[in-house]
Amino acid sequence: MLTSKQRSNLRSMAQTIVPITQVGKLGVNESLIDSLYKAIEKREIIKITVLENSGLDPKETGFEIAEKLDAEFVCATGRKLVFYRRSSSDKISHIEF
């Protein structure tokens, strides 16, 4: 569970990163979760976009993805979602709070 201070720091970091993928008409499927799992393991913080034509609610989608990734849902800003999970790899530089 993130504190409000940690969440705030992650939100400020997320402003500078580009969304890595989009959730479209197919919704949240296994291939999307697999690619997000690999990305969050390498980056620790990821941003995605929920397309308007998907018909999905961004916040509900965010909580669903976070549960499947075992990650923290940091925020939803419009249709942009941000997730964080500390990587188990020692080869990357970890985000310090």
PDB file of N, CA and C in Angstrom:
ATOM      1  N   MET A   1       0.843  -1.184   0.000  1.00  0.00           N
ATOM      2  CA  MET A   1       0.000   0.000   0.000  1.00  0.00           C
ATOM      3  C   MET A   1       0.886   1.244   0.000  1.00  0.00           C
ATOM      4  N   LEU A   2       0.587   2.155  -0.882  1.00  0.00           N
ATOM      5  CA  LEU A   2       1.359   3.382  -0.995  1.00  0.00           C
ATOM      6  C   LEU A   2       0.799   4.462  -0.074  1.00  0.00           C
ATOM      7  N   THR A   3       1.704   5.259   0.479  1.00  0.00           N
ATOM      8  CA  THR A   3       1.272   6.422   1.246  1.00  0.00           C
ATOM      9  C   THR A   3       0.937   7.542   0.267  1.00  0.00           C
ATOM     10  N   SER A   4       0.286   8.571   0.750  1.00  0.00           N
ATOM     11  CA  SER A   4      -0.075   9.682  -0.132  1.00  0.00           C
ATOM     12  C   SER A   4       1.169  10.400  -0.659  1.00  0.00           C
ATOM     13  N   LYS A   5       2.209  10.452   0.137  1.00  0.00           N
ATOM     14  CA  LYS A   5       3.467  11.079  -0.288  1.00  0.00           C
ATOM     15  C   LYS A   5       4.120  10.265  -1.411  1.00  0.00           C
ATOM     16  N   GLN A   6       4.145   8.946  -1.272  1.00  0.00           N
ATOM     17  CA  GLN A   6       4.706   8.080  -2.310  1.00  0.00           C
ATOM     18  C   GLN A   6       3.881   8.179  -3.591  1.00  0.00           C
ATOM     19  N   ARG A   7       2.562   8.165  -3.442  1.00  0.00           N
ATOM     20  CA  ARG A   7       1.676   8.286  -4.596  1.00  0.00           C
ATOM     21  C   ARG A   7       1.911   9.614  -5.318  1.00  0.00           C
ATOM     22  N   SER A   8       2.097  10.672  -4.562  1.00  0.00           N
ATOM     23  CA  SER A   8       2.363  11.984  -5.141  1.00  0.00           C
ATOM     24  C   SER A   8       3.672  11.984  -5.918  1.00  0.00           C
ATOM     25  N   ASN A   9       4.708  11.365  -5.353  1.00  0.00           N
ATOM     26  CA  ASN A   9       6.003  11.276  -6.045  1.00  0.00           C
ATOM     27  C   ASN A   9       5.880  10.485  -7.346  1.00  0.00           C
ATOM     28  N   LEU A  10       5.139   9.392  -7.302  1.00  0.00           N
ATOM     29  CA  LEU A  10       4.955   8.581  -8.504  1.00  0.00           C
ATOM     30  C   LEU A  10       4.151   9.328  -9.567  1.00  0.00           C
ATOM     31  N   ARG A  11       3.158  10.089  -9.138  1.00  0.00           N
ATOM     32  CA  ARG A  11       2.382  10.889 -10.095  1.00  0.00           C
ATOM     33  C   ARG A  11       3.262  11.914 -10.792  1.00  0.00           C
ATOM     34  N   SER A  12       4.156  12.548 -10.048  1.00  0.00           N
ATOM     35  CA  SER A  12       5.042  13.543 -10.663  1.00  0.00           C
ATOM     36  C   SER A  12       6.026  12.874 -11.626  1.00  0.00           C
ATOM     37  N   MET A  13       6.506  11.670 -11.300  1.00  0.00           N
ATOM     38  CA  MET A  13       7.383  10.934 -12.213  1.00  0.00           C
ATOM     39  C   MET A  13       6.632  10.550 -13.483  1.00  0.00           C
ATOM     40  N   ALA A  14       5.378  10.188 -13.341  1.00  0.00           N
ATOM     41  CA  ALA A  14       4.584   9.705 -14.466  1.00  0.00           C
ATOM     42  C   ALA A  14       4.276  10.798 -15.482  1.00  0.00           C
ATOM     43  N   GLN A  15       4.375  12.050 -15.089  1.00  0.00           N
ATOM     44  CA  GLN A  15       4.080  13.138 -16.017  1.00  0.00           C
ATOM     45  C   GLN A  15       5.056  13.156 -17.189  1.00  0.00           C
ATOM     46  N   THR A  16       6.264  12.674 -16.973  1.00  0.00           N
ATOM     47  CA  THR A  16       7.282  12.747 -18.017  1.00  0.00           C
ATOM     48  C   THR A  16       7.375  11.484 -18.866  1.00  0.00           C
ATOM     49  N   ILE A  17       6.683  10.413 -18.490  1.00  0.00           N
ATOM     50  CA  ILE A  17       6.793   9.188 -19.276  1.00  0.00           C
ATOM     51  C   ILE A  17       5.656   9.086 -20.300  1.00  0.00           C
ATOM     52  N   VAL A  18       5.943   8.350 -21.357  1.00  0.00           N
ATOM     53  CA  VAL A  18       5.001   8.170 -22.456  1.00  0.00           C
ATOM     54  C   VAL A  18       4.226   6.871 -22.230  1.00  0.00           C
ATOM     55  N   PRO A  19       2.924   6.859 -22.527  1.00  0.00           N
ATOM     56  CA  PRO A  19       2.168   5.605 -22.402  1.00  0.00           C
ATOM     57  C   PRO A  19       2.781   4.509 -23.277  1.00  0.00           C
ATOM     58  N   ILE A  20       2.879   3.289 -22.719  1.00  0.00           N
ATOM     59  CA  ILE A  20       3.526   2.205 -23.454  1.00  0.00           C
ATOM     60  C   ILE A  20       2.558   1.404 -24.301  1.00  0.00           C
ATOM     61  N   THR A  21       1.271   1.450 -23.992  1.00  0.00           N
ATOM     62  CA  THR A  21       0.277   0.706 -24.765  1.00  0.00           C
ATOM     63  C   THR A  21      -1.102   1.306 -24.556  1.00  0.00           C
ATOM     64  N   GLN A  22      -2.073   0.725 -25.266  1.00  0.00           N
ATOM     65  CA  GLN A  22      -3.448   1.197 -25.179  1.00  0.00           C
ATOM     66  C   GLN A  22      -4.381   0.019 -24.923  1.00  0.00           C
ATOM     67  N   VAL A  23      -5.448   0.298 -24.194  1.00  0.00           N
ATOM     68  CA  VAL A  23      -6.510  -0.693 -24.001  1.00  0.00           C
ATOM     69  C   VAL A  23      -7.610  -0.297 -24.964  1.00  0.00           C
ATOM     70  N   GLY A  24      -7.937  -1.193 -25.884  1.00  0.00           N
ATOM     71  CA  GLY A  24      -8.924  -0.891 -26.911  1.00  0.00           C
ATOM     72  C   GLY A  24     -10.186  -1.713 -26.772  1.00  0.00           C
ATOM     73  N   LYS A  25     -10.777  -2.042 -27.913  1.00  0.00           N
ATOM     74  CA  LYS A  25     -12.050  -2.761 -27.946  1.00  0.00           C
ATOM     75  C   LYS A  25     -11.957  -4.153 -27.340  1.00  0.00           C
ATOM     76  N   LEU A  26     -10.788  -4.775 -27.409  1.00  0.00           N
ATOM     77  CA  LEU A  26     -10.629  -6.122 -26.849  1.00  0.00           C
ATOM     78  C   LEU A  26     -10.609  -6.113 -25.323  1.00  0.00           C
ATOM     79  N   GLY A  27     -10.419  -4.948 -24.742  1.00  0.00           N
ATOM     80  CA  GLY A  27     -10.408  -4.843 -23.284  1.00  0.00           C
ATOM     81  C   GLY A  27      -9.143  -5.408 -22.668  1.00  0.00           C
ATOM     82  N   VAL A  28      -9.267  -5.851 -21.442  1.00  0.00           N
ATOM     83  CA  VAL A  28      -8.126  -6.393 -20.696  1.00  0.00           C
ATOM     84  C   VAL A  28      -8.075  -7.894 -20.974  1.00  0.00           C
ATOM     85  N   ASN A  29      -7.101  -8.303 -21.785  1.00  0.00           N
ATOM     86  CA  ASN A  29      -6.960  -9.719 -22.114  1.00  0.00           C
ATOM     87  C   ASN A  29      -5.591 -10.233 -21.666  1.00  0.00           C
ATOM     88  N   GLU A  30      -5.342 -11.512 -21.832  1.00  0.00           N
ATOM     89  CA  GLU A  30      -4.102 -12.120 -21.343  1.00  0.00           C
ATOM     90  C   GLU A  30      -2.861 -11.578 -22.015  1.00  0.00           C
ATOM     91  N   SER A  31      -2.921 -11.320 -23.315  1.00  0.00           N
ATOM     92  CA  SER A  31      -1.739 -10.809 -24.007  1.00  0.00           C
ATOM     93  C   SER A  31      -1.374  -9.412 -23.511  1.00  0.00           C
ATOM     94  N   LEU A  32      -2.381  -8.594 -23.209  1.00  0.00           N
ATOM     95  CA  LEU A  32      -2.130  -7.266 -22.650  1.00  0.00           C
ATOM     96  C   LEU A  32      -1.470  -7.389 -21.279  1.00  0.00           C
ATOM     97  N   ILE A  33      -2.015  -8.261 -20.439  1.00  0.00           N
ATOM     98  CA  ILE A  33      -1.464  -8.443 -19.093  1.00  0.00           C
ATOM     99  C   ILE A  33      -0.030  -8.965 -19.159  1.00  0.00           C
ATOM    100  N   ASP A  34       0.250  -9.896 -20.070  1.00  0.00           N
ATOM    101  CA  ASP A  34       1.604 -10.428 -20.222  1.00  0.00           C
ATOM    102  C   ASP A  34       2.591  -9.338 -20.607  1.00  0.00           C
ATOM    103  N   SER A  35       2.216  -8.504 -21.573  1.00  0.00           N
ATOM    104  CA  SER A  35       3.125  -7.437 -21.998  1.00  0.00           C
ATOM    105  C   SER A  35       3.310  -6.391 -20.899  1.00  0.00           C
ATOM    106  N   LEU A  36       2.246  -6.080 -20.169  1.00  0.00           N
ATOM    107  CA  LEU A  36       2.361  -5.120 -19.062  1.00  0.00           C
ATOM    108  C   LEU A  36       3.212  -5.686 -17.931  1.00  0.00           C
ATOM    109  N   TYR A  37       3.085  -6.993 -17.678  1.00  0.00           N
ATOM    110  CA  TYR A  37       3.869  -7.632 -16.624  1.00  0.00           C
ATOM    111  C   TYR A  37       5.360  -7.512 -16.926  1.00  0.00           C
ATOM    112  N   LYS A  38       5.738  -7.762 -18.173  1.00  0.00           N
ATOM    113  CA  LYS A  38       7.150  -7.654 -18.572  1.00  0.00           C
ATOM    114  C   LYS A  38       7.638  -6.216 -18.473  1.00  0.00           C
ATOM    115  N   ALA A  39       6.790  -5.283 -18.890  1.00  0.00           N
ATOM    116  CA  ALA A  39       7.169  -3.873 -18.866  1.00  0.00           C
ATOM    117  C   ALA A  39       7.335  -3.350 -17.447  1.00  0.00           C
ATOM    118  N   ILE A  40       6.421  -3.713 -16.553  1.00  0.00           N
ATOM    119  CA  ILE A  40       6.497  -3.196 -15.187  1.00  0.00           C
ATOM    120  C   ILE A  40       7.670  -3.826 -14.430  1.00  0.00           C
ATOM    121  N   GLU A  41       8.056  -5.022 -14.824  1.00  0.00           N
ATOM    122  CA  GLU A  41       9.214  -5.672 -14.203  1.00  0.00           C
ATOM    123  C   GLU A  41      10.506  -4.940 -14.582  1.00  0.00           C
ATOM    124  N   LYS A  42      10.553  -4.379 -15.784  1.00  0.00           N
ATOM    125  CA  LYS A  42      11.745  -3.662 -16.241  1.00  0.00           C
ATOM    126  C   LYS A  42      11.767  -2.204 -15.807  1.00  0.00           C
ATOM    127  N   ARG A  43      10.592  -1.581 -15.704  1.00  0.00           N
ATOM    128  CA  ARG A  43      10.520  -0.135 -15.471  1.00  0.00           C
ATOM    129  C   ARG A  43      10.046   0.279 -14.087  1.00  0.00           C
ATOM    130  N   GLU A  44       9.299  -0.557 -13.423  1.00  0.00           N
ATOM    131  CA  GLU A  44       8.670  -0.312 -12.125  1.00  0.00           C
ATOM    132  C   GLU A  44       7.481   0.639 -12.194  1.00  0.00           C
ATOM    133  N   ILE A  45       7.485   1.586 -13.111  1.00  0.00           N
ATOM    134  CA  ILE A  45       6.352   2.492 -13.263  1.00  0.00           C
ATOM    135  C   ILE A  45       5.980   2.522 -14.750  1.00  0.00           C
ATOM    136  N   ILE A  46       4.698   2.313 -15.024  1.00  0.00           N
ATOM    137  CA  ILE A  46       4.246   2.323 -16.408  1.00  0.00           C
ATOM    138  C   ILE A  46       2.976   3.152 -16.532  1.00  0.00           C
ATOM    139  N   LYS A  47       2.755   3.646 -17.740  1.00  0.00           N
ATOM    140  CA  LYS A  47       1.570   4.430 -18.042  1.00  0.00           C
ATOM    141  C   LYS A  47       0.919   3.829 -19.284  1.00  0.00           C
ATOM    142  N   ILE A  48      -0.405   3.705 -19.246  1.00  0.00           N
ATOM    143  CA  ILE A  48      -1.142   3.208 -20.403  1.00  0.00           C
ATOM    144  C   ILE A  48      -2.334   4.116 -20.665  1.00  0.00           C
ATOM    145  N   THR A  49      -2.919   3.970 -21.837  1.00  0.00           N
ATOM    146  CA  THR A  49      -4.075   4.759 -22.231  1.00  0.00           C
ATOM    147  C   THR A  49      -5.269   3.845 -22.452  1.00  0.00           C
ATOM    148  N   VAL A  50      -6.439   4.252 -21.968  1.00  0.00           N
ATOM    149  CA  VAL A  50      -7.686   3.543 -22.248  1.00  0.00           C
ATOM    150  C   VAL A  50      -8.380   4.324 -23.357  1.00  0.00           C
ATOM    151  N   LEU A  51      -8.534   3.695 -24.522  1.00  0.00           N
ATOM    152  CA  LEU A  51      -9.154   4.374 -25.653  1.00  0.00           C
ATOM    153  C   LEU A  51     -10.634   4.637 -25.387  1.00  0.00           C
ATOM    154  N   GLU A  52     -11.114   5.735 -25.916  1.00  0.00           N
ATOM    155  CA  GLU A  52     -12.504   6.125 -25.704  1.00  0.00           C
ATOM    156  C   GLU A  52     -13.478   5.128 -26.330  1.00  0.00           C
ATOM    157  N   ASN A  53     -13.094   4.559 -27.482  1.00  0.00           N
ATOM    158  CA  ASN A  53     -14.003   3.631 -28.158  1.00  0.00           C
ATOM    159  C   ASN A  53     -14.022   2.239 -27.521  1.00  0.00           C
ATOM    160  N   SER A  54     -13.234   2.045 -26.466  1.00  0.00           N
ATOM    161  CA  SER A  54     -13.229   0.743 -25.786  1.00  0.00           C
ATOM    162  C   SER A  54     -14.490   0.538 -24.956  1.00  0.00           C
ATOM    163  N   GLY A  55     -15.113   1.641 -24.537  1.00  0.00           N
ATOM    164  CA  GLY A  55     -16.324   1.548 -23.726  1.00  0.00           C
ATOM    165  C   GLY A  55     -16.048   1.196 -22.271  1.00  0.00           C
ATOM    166  N   LEU A  56     -14.774   1.238 -21.861  1.00  0.00           N
ATOM    167  CA  LEU A  56     -14.397   0.885 -20.487  1.00  0.00           C
ATOM    168  C   LEU A  56     -14.240   2.130 -19.634  1.00  0.00           C
ATOM    169  N   ASP A  57     -14.571   2.004 -18.353  1.00  0.00           N
ATOM    170  CA  ASP A  57     -14.341   3.069 -17.394  1.00  0.00           C
ATOM    171  C   ASP A  57     -12.874   3.028 -16.980  1.00  0.00           C
ATOM    172  N   PRO A  58     -12.135   4.128 -17.112  1.00  0.00           N
ATOM    173  CA  PRO A  58     -10.701   4.107 -16.807  1.00  0.00           C
ATOM    174  C   PRO A  58     -10.364   3.646 -15.385  1.00  0.00           C
ATOM    175  N   LYS A  59     -11.088   4.135 -14.385  1.00  0.00           N
ATOM    176  CA  LYS A  59     -10.757   3.747 -12.999  1.00  0.00           C
ATOM    177  C   LYS A  59     -11.016   2.270 -12.744  1.00  0.00           C
ATOM    178  N   GLU A  60     -12.148   1.771 -13.206  1.00  0.00           N
ATOM    179  CA  GLU A  60     -12.449   0.346 -13.026  1.00  0.00           C
ATOM    180  C   GLU A  60     -11.409  -0.512 -13.741  1.00  0.00           C
ATOM    181  N   THR A  61     -11.031  -0.090 -14.938  1.00  0.00           N
ATOM    182  CA  THR A  61     -10.014  -0.808 -15.705  1.00  0.00           C
ATOM    183  C   THR A  61      -8.683  -0.770 -14.972  1.00  0.00           C
ATOM    184  N   GLY A  62      -8.361   0.363 -14.371  1.00  0.00           N
ATOM    185  CA  GLY A  62      -7.125   0.499 -13.615  1.00  0.00           C
ATOM    186  C   GLY A  62      -7.045  -0.463 -12.444  1.00  0.00           C
ATOM    187  N   PHE A  63      -8.128  -0.563 -11.695  1.00  0.00           N
ATOM    188  CA  PHE A  63      -8.144  -1.490 -10.561  1.00  0.00           C
ATOM    189  C   PHE A  63      -8.066  -2.945 -11.017  1.00  0.00           C
ATOM    190  N   GLU A  64      -8.721  -3.251 -12.131  1.00  0.00           N
ATOM    191  CA  GLU A  64      -8.683  -4.616 -12.665  1.00  0.00           C
ATOM    192  C   GLU A  64      -7.268  -4.996 -13.110  1.00  0.00           C
ATOM    193  N   ILE A  65      -6.607  -4.099 -13.826  1.00  0.00           N
ATOM    194  CA  ILE A  65      -5.244  -4.370 -14.297  1.00  0.00           C
ATOM    195  C   ILE A  65      -4.289  -4.474 -13.112  1.00  0.00           C
ATOM    196  N   ALA A  66      -4.425  -3.576 -12.148  1.00  0.00           N
ATOM    197  CA  ALA A  66      -3.541  -3.599 -10.976  1.00  0.00           C
ATOM    198  C   ALA A  66      -3.658  -4.919 -10.230  1.00  0.00           C
ATOM    199  N   GLU A  67      -4.861  -5.428 -10.106  1.00  0.00           N
ATOM    200  CA  GLU A  67      -5.068  -6.702  -9.417  1.00  0.00           C
ATOM    201  C   GLU A  67      -4.392  -7.843 -10.179  1.00  0.00           C
ATOM    202  N   LYS A  68      -4.516  -7.842 -11.490  1.00  0.00           N
ATOM    203  CA  LYS A  68      -3.919  -8.908 -12.294  1.00  0.00           C
ATOM    204  C   LYS A  68      -2.401  -8.817 -12.352  1.00  0.00           C
ATOM    205  N   LEU A  69      -1.851  -7.597 -12.231  1.00  0.00           N
ATOM    206  CA  LEU A  69      -0.407  -7.412 -12.257  1.00  0.00           C
ATOM    207  C   LEU A  69       0.217  -7.510 -10.864  1.00  0.00           C
ATOM    208  N   ASP A  70      -0.617  -7.555  -9.843  1.00  0.00           N
ATOM    209  CA  ASP A  70      -0.152  -7.486  -8.457  1.00  0.00           C
ATOM    210  C   ASP A  70       0.659  -6.206  -8.260  1.00  0.00           C
ATOM    211  N   ALA A  71       0.098  -5.113  -8.756  1.00  0.00           N
ATOM    212  CA  ALA A  71       0.752  -3.809  -8.717  1.00  0.00           C
ATOM    213  C   ALA A  71      -0.150  -2.795  -8.022  1.00  0.00           C
ATOM    214  N   GLU A  72       0.394  -1.617  -7.801  1.00  0.00           N
ATOM    215  CA  GLU A  72      -0.375  -0.518  -7.220  1.00  0.00           C
ATOM    216  C   GLU A  72      -0.917   0.353  -8.342  1.00  0.00           C
ATOM    217  N   PHE A  73      -2.199   0.652  -8.279  1.00  0.00           N
ATOM    218  CA  PHE A  73      -2.812   1.586  -9.214  1.00  0.00           C
ATOM    219  C   PHE A  73      -2.566   2.970  -8.648  1.00  0.00           C
ATOM    220  N   VAL A  74      -1.695   3.728  -9.291  1.00  0.00           N
ATOM    221  CA  VAL A  74      -1.279   5.023  -8.762  1.00  0.00           C
ATOM    222  C   VAL A  74      -2.349   6.082  -9.002  1.00  0.00           C
ATOM    223  N   CYS A  75      -2.773   6.236 -10.265  1.00  0.00           N
ATOM    224  CA  CYS A  75      -3.775   7.259 -10.560  1.00  0.00           C
ATOM    225  C   CYS A  75      -4.363   7.068 -11.950  1.00  0.00           C
ATOM    226  N   ALA A  76      -5.478   7.719 -12.149  1.00  0.00           N
ATOM    227  CA  ALA A  76      -6.100   7.826 -13.469  1.00  0.00           C
ATOM    228  C   ALA A  76      -6.270   9.311 -13.738  1.00  0.00           C
ATOM    229  N   THR A  77      -5.595   9.801 -14.764  1.00  0.00           N
ATOM    230  CA  THR A  77      -5.723  11.189 -15.159  1.00  0.00           C
ATOM    231  C   THR A  77      -6.371  11.195 -16.532  1.00  0.00           C
ATOM    232  N   GLY A  78      -7.642  11.495 -16.564  1.00  0.00           N
ATOM    233  CA  GLY A  78      -8.381  11.374 -17.811  1.00  0.00           C
ATOM    234  C   GLY A  78      -8.462   9.907 -18.188  1.00  0.00           C
ATOM    235  N   ARG A  79      -7.895   9.554 -19.308  1.00  0.00           N
ATOM    236  CA  ARG A  79      -7.868   8.167 -19.760  1.00  0.00           C
ATOM    237  C   ARG A  79      -6.481   7.549 -19.656  1.00  0.00           C
ATOM    238  N   LYS A  80      -5.580   8.218 -18.974  1.00  0.00           N
ATOM    239  CA  LYS A  80      -4.226   7.708 -18.752  1.00  0.00           C
ATOM    240  C   LYS A  80      -4.161   7.062 -17.364  1.00  0.00           C
ATOM    241  N   LEU A  81      -3.619   5.842 -17.318  1.00  0.00           N
ATOM    242  CA  LEU A  81      -3.502   5.099 -16.063  1.00  0.00           C
ATOM    243  C   LEU A  81      -2.043   4.872 -15.738  1.00  0.00           C
ATOM    244  N   VAL A  82      -1.702   4.963 -14.459  1.00  0.00           N
ATOM    245  CA  VAL A  82      -0.329   4.771 -14.012  1.00  0.00           C
ATOM    246  C   VAL A  82      -0.294   3.653 -12.972  1.00  0.00           C
ATOM    247  N   PHE A  83       0.692   2.749 -13.139  1.00  0.00           N
ATOM    248  CA  PHE A  83       0.861   1.609 -12.242  1.00  0.00           C
ATOM    249  C   PHE A  83       2.294   1.557 -11.741  1.00  0.00           C
ATOM    250  N   TYR A  84       2.453   1.025 -10.513  1.00  0.00           N
ATOM    251  CA  TYR A  84       3.783   0.875  -9.919  1.00  0.00           C
ATOM    252  C   TYR A  84       3.886  -0.479  -9.235  1.00  0.00           C
ATOM    253  N   ARG A  85       5.020  -1.102  -9.432  1.00  0.00           N
ATOM    254  CA  ARG A  85       5.365  -2.305  -8.674  1.00  0.00           C
ATOM    255  C   ARG A  85       6.887  -2.386  -8.612  1.00  0.00           C
ATOM    256  N   ARG A  86       7.410  -2.618  -7.424  1.00  0.00           N
ATOM    257  CA  ARG A  86       8.859  -2.755  -7.269  1.00  0.00           C
ATOM    258  C   ARG A  86       9.319  -4.020  -7.980  1.00  0.00           C
ATOM    259  N   SER A  87      10.357  -3.889  -8.771  1.00  0.00           N
ATOM    260  CA  SER A  87      10.867  -5.008  -9.551  1.00  0.00           C
ATOM    261  C   SER A  87      11.660  -5.963  -8.662  1.00  0.00           C
ATOM    262  N   SER A  88      11.591  -7.231  -8.993  1.00  0.00           N
ATOM    263  CA  SER A  88      12.353  -8.230  -8.246  1.00  0.00           C
ATOM    264  C   SER A  88      13.771  -8.365  -8.789  1.00  0.00           C
ATOM    265  N   SER A  89      14.051  -7.723  -9.908  1.00  0.00           N
ATOM    266  CA  SER A  89      15.374  -7.793 -10.537  1.00  0.00           C
ATOM    267  C   SER A  89      16.344  -6.828  -9.862  1.00  0.00           C
ATOM    268  N   ASP A  90      17.570  -7.279  -9.689  1.00  0.00           N
ATOM    269  CA  ASP A  90      18.614  -6.420  -9.119  1.00  0.00           C
ATOM    270  C   ASP A  90      19.368  -5.663 -10.204  1.00  0.00           C
ATOM    271  N   LYS A  91      19.066  -5.936 -11.462  1.00  0.00           N
ATOM    272  CA  LYS A  91      19.783  -5.340 -12.579  1.00  0.00           C
ATOM    273  C   LYS A  91      19.302  -3.930 -12.926  1.00  0.00           C
ATOM    274  N   ILE A  92      18.181  -3.532 -12.397  1.00  0.00           N
ATOM    275  CA  ILE A  92      17.668  -2.194 -12.689  1.00  0.00           C
ATOM    276  C   ILE A  92      17.829  -1.297 -11.475  1.00  0.00           C
ATOM    277  N   SER A  93      17.788   0.020 -11.713  1.00  0.00           N
ATOM    278  CA  SER A  93      17.833   0.953 -10.586  1.00  0.00           C
ATOM    279  C   SER A  93      16.402   1.138 -10.086  1.00  0.00           C
ATOM    280  N   HIS A  94      16.209   0.887  -8.828  1.00  0.00           N
ATOM    281  CA  HIS A  94      14.875   0.946  -8.237  1.00  0.00           C
ATOM    282  C   HIS A  94      14.482   2.382  -7.909  1.00  0.00           C
ATOM    283  N   ILE A  95      13.191   2.622  -7.932  1.00  0.00           N
ATOM    284  CA  ILE A  95      12.660   3.937  -7.561  1.00  0.00           C
ATOM    285  C   ILE A  95      12.742   4.058  -6.042  1.00  0.00           C
ATOM    286  N   GLU A  96      13.366   5.106  -5.582  1.00  0.00           N
ATOM    287  CA  GLU A  96      13.506   5.342  -4.136  1.00  0.00           C
ATOM    288  C   GLU A  96      12.565   6.468  -3.715  1.00  0.00           C
ATOM    289  N   PHE A  97      11.950   6.284  -2.583  1.00  0.00           N
ATOM    290  CA  PHE A  97      11.018   7.292  -2.070  1.00  0.00           C
ATOM    291  C   PHE A  97      11.662   8.115  -0.995  1.00  0.00           C
TER     292      PHE A  97
END
